[in-house]
Amino acid sequence: GFGRSESSTDISYATHNIASNVIGDKVNITSEKNISLLGSNVQANTEGQIKANRNITQAGVKDTNYSYHKKTKTGFMGLTSKSVTDENYAKKAILSATLAGDKGLTYDSKNNLI
């Protein structure tokens, strides 16, 4: 109608991590610098080694989803208004794991094991 208006605001974002799965009978991961196993899995069926000349970091990660929606209706000549807001935020943890068979899995770091 005359002198009335409607507006809306929409914001959304998401982060999604994609895990690496390294699986084998014997697994060796070697780096002259750092190794980062973030939200990833290593499985050595008999034995394995993760060796870095600097740091080895193994940690979980988080996927996130966020959305925001606001709708505003303004009445005649801006004298009245009504707003409806909907906001959602969700997190999901993605673990990082290592599995080893009967001969085990060793970590060898010249600096830190994080």
C-alpha atoms as a PDB file:
ATOM      1  CA  GLY A   1       0.000   0.000   0.000  1.00  0.00           C
ATOM      2  CA  PHE A   2       0.851   3.672  -0.097  1.00  0.00           C
ATOM      3  CA  GLY A   3       3.729   4.693   2.180  1.00  0.00           C
ATOM      4  CA  ARG A   4       4.429   1.148   3.321  1.00  0.00           C
ATOM      5  CA  SER A   5       7.671  -0.742   2.813  1.00  0.00           C
ATOM      6  CA  GLU A   6       9.225  -4.119   3.427  1.00  0.00           C
ATOM      7  CA  SER A   7      12.906  -5.033   3.673  1.00  0.00           C
ATOM      8  CA  SER A   8      14.917  -8.098   4.540  1.00  0.00           C
ATOM      9  CA  THR A   9      18.495  -8.948   5.436  1.00  0.00           C
ATOM     10  CA  ASP A  10      20.031 -12.394   4.890  1.00  0.00           C
ATOM     11  CA  ILE A  11      23.499 -13.499   6.016  1.00  0.00           C
ATOM     12  CA  SER A  12      24.848 -17.038   5.946  1.00  0.00           C
ATOM     13  CA  TYR A  13      28.193 -18.791   6.004  1.00  0.00           C
ATOM     14  CA  ALA A  14      29.556 -22.266   6.508  1.00  0.00           C
ATOM     15  CA  THR A  15      32.921 -23.940   6.943  1.00  0.00           C
ATOM     16  CA  HIS A  16      33.264 -27.604   6.043  1.00  0.00           C
ATOM     17  CA  ASN A  17      36.438 -29.588   6.573  1.00  0.00           C
ATOM     18  CA  ILE A  18      37.250 -32.565   4.387  1.00  0.00           C
ATOM     19  CA  ALA A  19      39.148 -35.294   6.199  1.00  0.00           C
ATOM     20  CA  SER A  20      42.051 -37.212   4.721  1.00  0.00           C
ATOM     21  CA  ASN A  21      42.144 -40.929   5.439  1.00  0.00           C
ATOM     22  CA  VAL A  22      45.575 -42.537   5.048  1.00  0.00           C
ATOM     23  CA  ILE A  23      45.253 -46.319   5.343  1.00  0.00           C
ATOM     24  CA  GLY A  24      47.850 -48.983   4.613  1.00  0.00           C
ATOM     25  CA  ASP A  25      49.738 -51.998   5.861  1.00  0.00           C
ATOM     26  CA  LYS A  26      52.817 -49.889   6.661  1.00  0.00           C
ATOM     27  CA  VAL A  27      52.328 -46.122   6.789  1.00  0.00           C
ATOM     28  CA  ASN A  28      55.213 -43.650   6.939  1.00  0.00           C
ATOM     29  CA  ILE A  29      54.629 -39.897   6.859  1.00  0.00           C
ATOM     30  CA  THR A  30      57.828 -37.824   6.753  1.00  0.00           C
ATOM     31  CA  SER A  31      58.489 -34.082   6.464  1.00  0.00           C
ATOM     32  CA  GLU A  32      61.597 -31.910   6.626  1.00  0.00           C
ATOM     33  CA  LYS A  33      59.398 -29.239   8.240  1.00  0.00           C
ATOM     34  CA  ASN A  34      55.992 -29.615   9.981  1.00  0.00           C
ATOM     35  CA  ILE A  35      53.246 -32.227   9.781  1.00  0.00           C
ATOM     36  CA  SER A  36      49.637 -31.242  10.515  1.00  0.00           C
ATOM     37  CA  LEU A  37      46.957 -33.917  10.846  1.00  0.00           C
ATOM     38  CA  LEU A  38      43.811 -31.805  11.230  1.00  0.00           C
ATOM     39  CA  GLY A  39      40.526 -33.688  11.273  1.00  0.00           C
ATOM     40  CA  SER A  40      42.258 -36.545   9.473  1.00  0.00           C
ATOM     41  CA  ASN A  41      42.825 -40.228  10.157  1.00  0.00           C
ATOM     42  CA  VAL A  42      45.909 -42.430   9.817  1.00  0.00           C
ATOM     43  CA  GLN A  43      45.595 -46.214  10.016  1.00  0.00           C
ATOM     44  CA  ALA A  44      48.645 -48.492   9.862  1.00  0.00           C
ATOM     45  CA  ASN A  45      47.526 -52.129   9.824  1.00  0.00           C
ATOM     46  CA  THR A  46      50.910 -53.462  11.020  1.00  0.00           C
ATOM     47  CA  GLU A  47      53.216 -50.513  11.752  1.00  0.00           C
ATOM     48  CA  GLY A  48      53.726 -46.859  10.998  1.00  0.00           C
ATOM     49  CA  GLN A  49      55.807 -43.782  11.657  1.00  0.00           C
ATOM     50  CA  ILE A  50      55.068 -40.064  11.583  1.00  0.00           C
ATOM     51  CA  LYS A  51      58.372 -38.153  11.493  1.00  0.00           C
ATOM     52  CA  ALA A  52      58.985 -34.399  11.208  1.00  0.00           C
ATOM     53  CA  ASN A  53      62.110 -32.258  11.555  1.00  0.00           C
ATOM     54  CA  ARG A  54      59.954 -29.589  13.221  1.00  0.00           C
ATOM     55  CA  ASN A  55      56.464 -29.943  14.776  1.00  0.00           C
ATOM     56  CA  ILE A  56      53.820 -32.643  14.531  1.00  0.00           C
ATOM     57  CA  THR A  57      50.311 -31.335  15.164  1.00  0.00           C
ATOM     58  CA  GLN A  58      47.300 -33.623  15.433  1.00  0.00           C
ATOM     59  CA  ALA A  59      43.967 -32.041  16.286  1.00  0.00           C
ATOM     60  CA  GLY A  60      40.267 -32.122  15.607  1.00  0.00           C
ATOM     61  CA  VAL A  61      38.491 -29.398  13.648  1.00  0.00           C
ATOM     62  CA  LYS A  62      34.992 -27.899  13.670  1.00  0.00           C
ATOM     63  CA  ASP A  63      32.445 -27.493  10.916  1.00  0.00           C
ATOM     64  CA  THR A  64      30.225 -24.434  11.385  1.00  0.00           C
ATOM     65  CA  ASN A  65      26.921 -23.275   9.927  1.00  0.00           C
ATOM     66  CA  TYR A  66      25.450 -19.817  10.538  1.00  0.00           C
ATOM     67  CA  SER A  67      22.355 -18.104   9.182  1.00  0.00           C
ATOM     68  CA  TYR A  68      20.633 -14.805   9.978  1.00  0.00           C
ATOM     69  CA  HIS A  69      17.375 -13.534   8.505  1.00  0.00           C
ATOM     70  CA  LYS A  70      15.586 -10.315   9.445  1.00  0.00           C
ATOM     71  CA  LYS A  71      12.389  -9.101   7.817  1.00  0.00           C
ATOM     72  CA  THR A  72      11.013  -5.636   8.588  1.00  0.00           C
ATOM     73  CA  LYS A  73       7.647  -4.231   7.553  1.00  0.00           C
ATOM     74  CA  THR A  74       7.053  -0.506   7.950  1.00  0.00           C
ATOM     75  CA  GLY A  75       3.538   0.881   8.099  1.00  0.00           C
ATOM     76  CA  PHE A  76       2.008   4.042   6.687  1.00  0.00           C
ATOM     77  CA  MET A  77       4.427   6.995   6.795  1.00  0.00           C
ATOM     78  CA  GLY A  78       6.850   4.957   8.948  1.00  0.00           C
ATOM     79  CA  LEU A  79       4.629   5.318  12.020  1.00  0.00           C
ATOM     80  CA  THR A  80       4.604   1.592  12.781  1.00  0.00           C
ATOM     81  CA  SER A  81       7.016  -1.228  12.088  1.00  0.00           C
ATOM     82  CA  LYS A  82       7.308  -4.931  12.760  1.00  0.00           C
ATOM     83  CA  SER A  83      10.496  -7.025  12.617  1.00  0.00           C
ATOM     84  CA  VAL A  84      10.979 -10.780  12.664  1.00  0.00           C
ATOM     85  CA  THR A  85      14.498 -12.149  13.231  1.00  0.00           C
ATOM     86  CA  ASP A  86      15.730 -15.731  12.904  1.00  0.00           C
ATOM     87  CA  GLU A  87      19.331 -16.646  13.773  1.00  0.00           C
ATOM     88  CA  ASN A  88      20.927 -20.118  13.818  1.00  0.00           C
ATOM     89  CA  TYR A  89      24.453 -21.276  14.674  1.00  0.00           C
ATOM     90  CA  ALA A  90      25.662 -24.887  14.748  1.00  0.00           C
ATOM     91  CA  LYS A  91      29.077 -26.503  15.301  1.00  0.00           C
ATOM     92  CA  LYS A  92      30.122 -30.094  14.725  1.00  0.00           C
ATOM     93  CA  ALA A  93      33.443 -31.529  15.889  1.00  0.00           C
ATOM     94  CA  ILE A  94      35.480 -33.623  13.436  1.00  0.00           C
ATOM     95  CA  LEU A  95      38.023 -35.780  15.254  1.00  0.00           C
ATOM     96  CA  SER A  96      41.521 -36.727  14.193  1.00  0.00           C
ATOM     97  CA  ALA A  97      42.741 -40.246  14.987  1.00  0.00           C
ATOM     98  CA  THR A  98      45.603 -42.663  14.481  1.00  0.00           C
ATOM     99  CA  LEU A  99      45.263 -46.447  14.630  1.00  0.00           C
ATOM    100  CA  ALA A 100      48.062 -49.002  14.526  1.00  0.00           C
ATOM    101  CA  GLY A 101      48.381 -52.767  14.368  1.00  0.00           C
ATOM    102  CA  ASP A 102      50.539 -55.112  16.428  1.00  0.00           C
ATOM    103  CA  LYS A 103      53.862 -53.326  15.760  1.00  0.00           C
ATOM    104  CA  GLY A 104      52.542 -49.895  16.758  1.00  0.00           C
ATOM    105  CA  LEU A 105      52.863 -46.389  15.379  1.00  0.00           C
ATOM    106  CA  THR A 106      55.617 -43.987  16.447  1.00  0.00           C
ATOM    107  CA  TYR A 107      55.762 -40.206  16.453  1.00  0.00           C
ATOM    108  CA  ASP A 108      59.222 -38.670  15.947  1.00  0.00           C
ATOM    109  CA  SER A 109      59.382 -34.880  16.208  1.00  0.00           C
ATOM    110  CA  LYS A 110      62.554 -32.792  16.531  1.00  0.00           C
ATOM    111  CA  ASN A 111      60.498 -29.983  18.144  1.00  0.00           C
ATOM    112  CA  ASN A 112      56.984 -30.357  19.543  1.00  0.00           C
ATOM    113  CA  LEU A 113      54.246 -32.965  19.434  1.00  0.00           C
ATOM    114  CA  ILE A 114      51.020 -31.009  19.713  1.00  0.00           C
END
